[in-house]
Amino acid sequence: MFFRAWQGLLLVLCLLSGCNANYVFDDADYRPLGDPQATRRGQ
């Protein structure tokens, strides 16, 4: 039972870390999902 608890905890941590992936990358093509005007912002 203890081994399965650690597997579940690891799975939850991996899923939660993926929630922030959209805002981590910093490149020329970065655009938040659902924001079609982001490419023209600040011009």
PDB file of N, CA and C in Angstrom:
ATOM      1  N   MET A   1       0.827  -1.204   0.000  1.00  0.00           N
ATOM      2  CA  MET A   1       0.000   0.000   0.000  1.00  0.00           C
ATOM      3  C   MET A   1       0.870   1.268   0.000  1.00  0.00           C
ATOM      4  N   PHE A   2       1.951   1.240   0.772  1.00  0.00           N
ATOM      5  CA  PHE A   2       2.827   2.405   0.857  1.00  0.00           C
ATOM      6  C   PHE A   2       3.454   2.717  -0.499  1.00  0.00           C
ATOM      7  N   PHE A   3       3.810   1.667  -1.260  1.00  0.00           N
ATOM      8  CA  PHE A   3       4.406   1.862  -2.579  1.00  0.00           C
ATOM      9  C   PHE A   3       3.416   2.535  -3.522  1.00  0.00           C
ATOM     10  N   ARG A   4       2.164   2.174  -3.473  1.00  0.00           N
ATOM     11  CA  ARG A   4       1.157   2.772  -4.350  1.00  0.00           C
ATOM     12  C   ARG A   4       0.876   4.227  -3.960  1.00  0.00           C
ATOM     13  N   ALA A   5       1.011   4.551  -2.700  1.00  0.00           N
ATOM     14  CA  ALA A   5       0.811   5.937  -2.273  1.00  0.00           C
ATOM     15  C   ALA A   5       1.881   6.834  -2.888  1.00  0.00           C
ATOM     16  N   TRP A   6       3.120   6.365  -2.943  1.00  0.00           N
ATOM     17  CA  TRP A   6       4.191   7.151  -3.558  1.00  0.00           C
ATOM     18  C   TRP A   6       3.988   7.288  -5.056  1.00  0.00           C
ATOM     19  N   GLN A   7       3.474   6.240  -5.702  1.00  0.00           N
ATOM     20  CA  GLN A   7       3.182   6.322  -7.132  1.00  0.00           C
ATOM     21  C   GLN A   7       2.099   7.362  -7.388  1.00  0.00           C
ATOM     22  N   GLY A   8       1.080   7.377  -6.562  1.00  0.00           N
ATOM     23  CA  GLY A   8       0.012   8.362  -6.705  1.00  0.00           C
ATOM     24  C   GLY A   8       0.505   9.775  -6.473  1.00  0.00           C
ATOM     25  N   LEU A   9       1.342   9.949  -5.475  1.00  0.00           N
ATOM     26  CA  LEU A   9       1.900  11.268  -5.188  1.00  0.00           C
ATOM     27  C   LEU A   9       2.765  11.754  -6.347  1.00  0.00           C
ATOM     28  N   LEU A  10       3.570  10.872  -6.904  1.00  0.00           N
ATOM     29  CA  LEU A  10       4.405  11.235  -8.048  1.00  0.00           C
ATOM     30  C   LEU A  10       3.548  11.612  -9.255  1.00  0.00           C
ATOM     31  N   LEU A  11       2.482  10.873  -9.487  1.00  0.00           N
ATOM     32  CA  LEU A  11       1.581  11.176 -10.594  1.00  0.00           C
ATOM     33  C   LEU A  11       0.932  12.546 -10.416  1.00  0.00           C
ATOM     34  N   VAL A  12       0.468  12.849  -9.229  1.00  0.00           N
ATOM     35  CA  VAL A  12      -0.163  14.145  -8.959  1.00  0.00           C
ATOM     36  C   VAL A  12       0.840  15.280  -9.135  1.00  0.00           C
ATOM     37  N   LEU A  13       2.055  15.107  -8.666  1.00  0.00           N
ATOM     38  CA  LEU A  13       3.075  16.146  -8.822  1.00  0.00           C
ATOM     39  C   LEU A  13       3.407  16.387 -10.288  1.00  0.00           C
ATOM     40  N   CYS A  14       3.485  15.316 -11.069  1.00  0.00           N
ATOM     41  CA  CYS A  14       3.755  15.475 -12.504  1.00  0.00           C
ATOM     42  C   CYS A  14       2.614  16.200 -13.200  1.00  0.00           C
ATOM     43  N   LEU A  15       1.381  15.872 -12.847  1.00  0.00           N
ATOM     44  CA  LEU A  15       0.233  16.531 -13.466  1.00  0.00           C
ATOM     45  C   LEU A  15       0.160  18.003 -13.082  1.00  0.00           C
ATOM     46  N   LEU A  16       0.446  18.318 -11.831  1.00  0.00           N
ATOM     47  CA  LEU A  16       0.398  19.710 -11.394  1.00  0.00           C
ATOM     48  C   LEU A  16       1.535  20.532 -11.988  1.00  0.00           C
ATOM     49  N   SER A  17       2.680  19.936 -12.189  1.00  0.00           N
ATOM     50  CA  SER A  17       3.788  20.682 -12.780  1.00  0.00           C
ATOM     51  C   SER A  17       3.506  21.006 -14.239  1.00  0.00           C
ATOM     52  N   GLY A  18       2.712  20.201 -14.910  1.00  0.00           N
ATOM     53  CA  GLY A  18       2.346  20.463 -16.296  1.00  0.00           C
ATOM     54  C   GLY A  18       1.380  21.619 -16.445  1.00  0.00           C
ATOM     55  N   CYS A  19       0.705  22.021 -15.387  1.00  0.00           N
ATOM     56  CA  CYS A  19      -0.256  23.123 -15.459  1.00  0.00           C
ATOM     57  C   CYS A  19       0.435  24.454 -15.736  1.00  0.00           C
ATOM     58  N   ASN A  20       1.671  24.602 -15.347  1.00  0.00           N
ATOM     59  CA  ASN A  20       2.392  25.858 -15.527  1.00  0.00           C
ATOM     60  C   ASN A  20       3.247  25.877 -16.786  1.00  0.00           C
ATOM     61  N   ALA A  21       3.217  24.835 -17.556  1.00  0.00           N
ATOM     62  CA  ALA A  21       4.113  24.731 -18.710  1.00  0.00           C
ATOM     63  C   ALA A  21       3.854  25.816 -19.752  1.00  0.00           C
ATOM     64  N   ASN A  22       2.637  26.301 -19.866  1.00  0.00           N
ATOM     65  CA  ASN A  22       2.319  27.297 -20.882  1.00  0.00           C
ATOM     66  C   ASN A  22       3.019  28.623 -20.615  1.00  0.00           C
ATOM     67  N   TYR A  23       3.352  28.916 -19.389  1.00  0.00           N
ATOM     68  CA  TYR A  23       3.925  30.211 -19.043  1.00  0.00           C
ATOM     69  C   TYR A  23       5.425  30.144 -18.769  1.00  0.00           C
ATOM     70  N   VAL A  24       6.032  28.975 -18.915  1.00  0.00           N
ATOM     71  CA  VAL A  24       7.446  28.814 -18.617  1.00  0.00           C
ATOM     72  C   VAL A  24       8.311  29.194 -19.811  1.00  0.00           C
ATOM     73  N   PHE A  25       7.874  28.873 -21.002  1.00  0.00           N
ATOM     74  CA  PHE A  25       8.692  29.069 -22.191  1.00  0.00           C
ATOM     75  C   PHE A  25       8.762  30.539 -22.572  1.00  0.00           C
ATOM     76  N   ASP A  26       9.918  30.970 -23.007  1.00  0.00           N
ATOM     77  CA  ASP A  26      10.141  32.351 -23.404  1.00  0.00           C
ATOM     78  C   ASP A  26      10.845  32.347 -24.760  1.00  0.00           C
ATOM     79  N   ASP A  27      10.057  32.390 -25.817  1.00  0.00           N
ATOM     80  CA  ASP A  27      10.637  32.410 -27.151  1.00  0.00           C
ATOM     81  C   ASP A  27       9.824  33.346 -28.046  1.00  0.00           C
ATOM     82  N   ALA A  28      10.232  33.484 -29.279  1.00  0.00           N
ATOM     83  CA  ALA A  28       9.589  34.429 -30.194  1.00  0.00           C
ATOM     84  C   ALA A  28       8.168  34.017 -30.552  1.00  0.00           C
ATOM     85  N   ASP A  29       7.850  32.735 -30.455  1.00  0.00           N
ATOM     86  CA  ASP A  29       6.522  32.248 -30.834  1.00  0.00           C
ATOM     87  C   ASP A  29       5.583  32.116 -29.648  1.00  0.00           C
ATOM     88  N   TYR A  30       5.975  32.584 -28.465  1.00  0.00           N
ATOM     89  CA  TYR A  30       5.153  32.432 -27.267  1.00  0.00           C
ATOM     90  C   TYR A  30       3.847  33.192 -27.409  1.00  0.00           C
ATOM     91  N   ARG A  31       2.760  32.525 -27.097  1.00  0.00           N
ATOM     92  CA  ARG A  31       1.438  33.132 -27.109  1.00  0.00           C
ATOM     93  C   ARG A  31       0.562  32.316 -26.175  1.00  0.00           C
ATOM     94  N   PRO A  32      -0.023  32.914 -25.148  1.00  0.00           N
ATOM     95  CA  PRO A  32      -0.904  32.155 -24.269  1.00  0.00           C
ATOM     96  C   PRO A  32      -2.056  31.547 -25.063  1.00  0.00           C
ATOM     97  N   LEU A  33      -2.464  30.352 -24.686  1.00  0.00           N
ATOM     98  CA  LEU A  33      -3.570  29.692 -25.364  1.00  0.00           C
ATOM     99  C   LEU A  33      -4.844  30.511 -25.214  1.00  0.00           C
ATOM    100  N   GLY A  34      -5.606  30.632 -26.277  1.00  0.00           N
ATOM    101  CA  GLY A  34      -6.869  31.346 -26.234  1.00  0.00           C
ATOM    102  C   GLY A  34      -6.728  32.849 -26.327  1.00  0.00           C
ATOM    103  N   ASP A  35      -5.559  33.368 -26.663  1.00  0.00           N
ATOM    104  CA  ASP A  35      -5.334  34.807 -26.757  1.00  0.00           C
ATOM    105  C   ASP A  35      -4.821  35.142 -28.156  1.00  0.00           C
ATOM    106  N   PRO A  36      -5.709  35.241 -29.151  1.00  0.00           N
ATOM    107  CA  PRO A  36      -5.263  35.461 -30.529  1.00  0.00           C
ATOM    108  C   PRO A  36      -4.641  36.833 -30.766  1.00  0.00           C
ATOM    109  N   GLN A  37      -4.864  37.801 -29.888  1.00  0.00           N
ATOM    110  CA  GLN A  37      -4.337  39.148 -30.074  1.00  0.00           C
ATOM    111  C   GLN A  37      -2.949  39.323 -29.471  1.00  0.00           C
ATOM    112  N   ALA A  38      -2.386  38.290 -28.874  1.00  0.00           N
ATOM    113  CA  ALA A  38      -1.111  38.424 -28.165  1.00  0.00           C
ATOM    114  C   ALA A  38       0.033  38.813 -29.090  1.00  0.00           C
ATOM    115  N   THR A  39      -0.039  38.445 -30.355  1.00  0.00           N
ATOM    116  CA  THR A  39       1.063  38.768 -31.263  1.00  0.00           C
ATOM    117  C   THR A  39       1.110  40.249 -31.588  1.00  0.00           C
ATOM    118  N   ARG A  40      -0.011  40.952 -31.453  1.00  0.00           N
ATOM    119  CA  ARG A  40      -0.050  42.388 -31.773  1.00  0.00           C
ATOM    120  C   ARG A  40      -0.023  43.277 -30.536  1.00  0.00           C
ATOM    121  N   ARG A  41       0.037  42.692 -29.373  1.00  0.00           N
ATOM    122  CA  ARG A  41       0.027  43.465 -28.136  1.00  0.00           C
ATOM    123  C   ARG A  41       1.342  44.222 -27.976  1.00  0.00           C
ATOM    124  N   GLY A  42       1.285  45.466 -27.563  1.00  0.00           N
ATOM    125  CA  GLY A  42       2.470  46.264 -27.301  1.00  0.00           C
ATOM    126  C   GLY A  42       3.065  46.931 -28.521  1.00  0.00           C
ATOM    127  N   GLN A  43       2.387  46.878 -29.637  1.00  0.00           N
ATOM    128  CA  GLN A  43       2.917  47.518 -30.848  1.00  0.00           C
ATOM    129  C   GLN A  43       2.308  48.877 -31.052  1.00  0.00           C
TER     130      GLN A  43
END
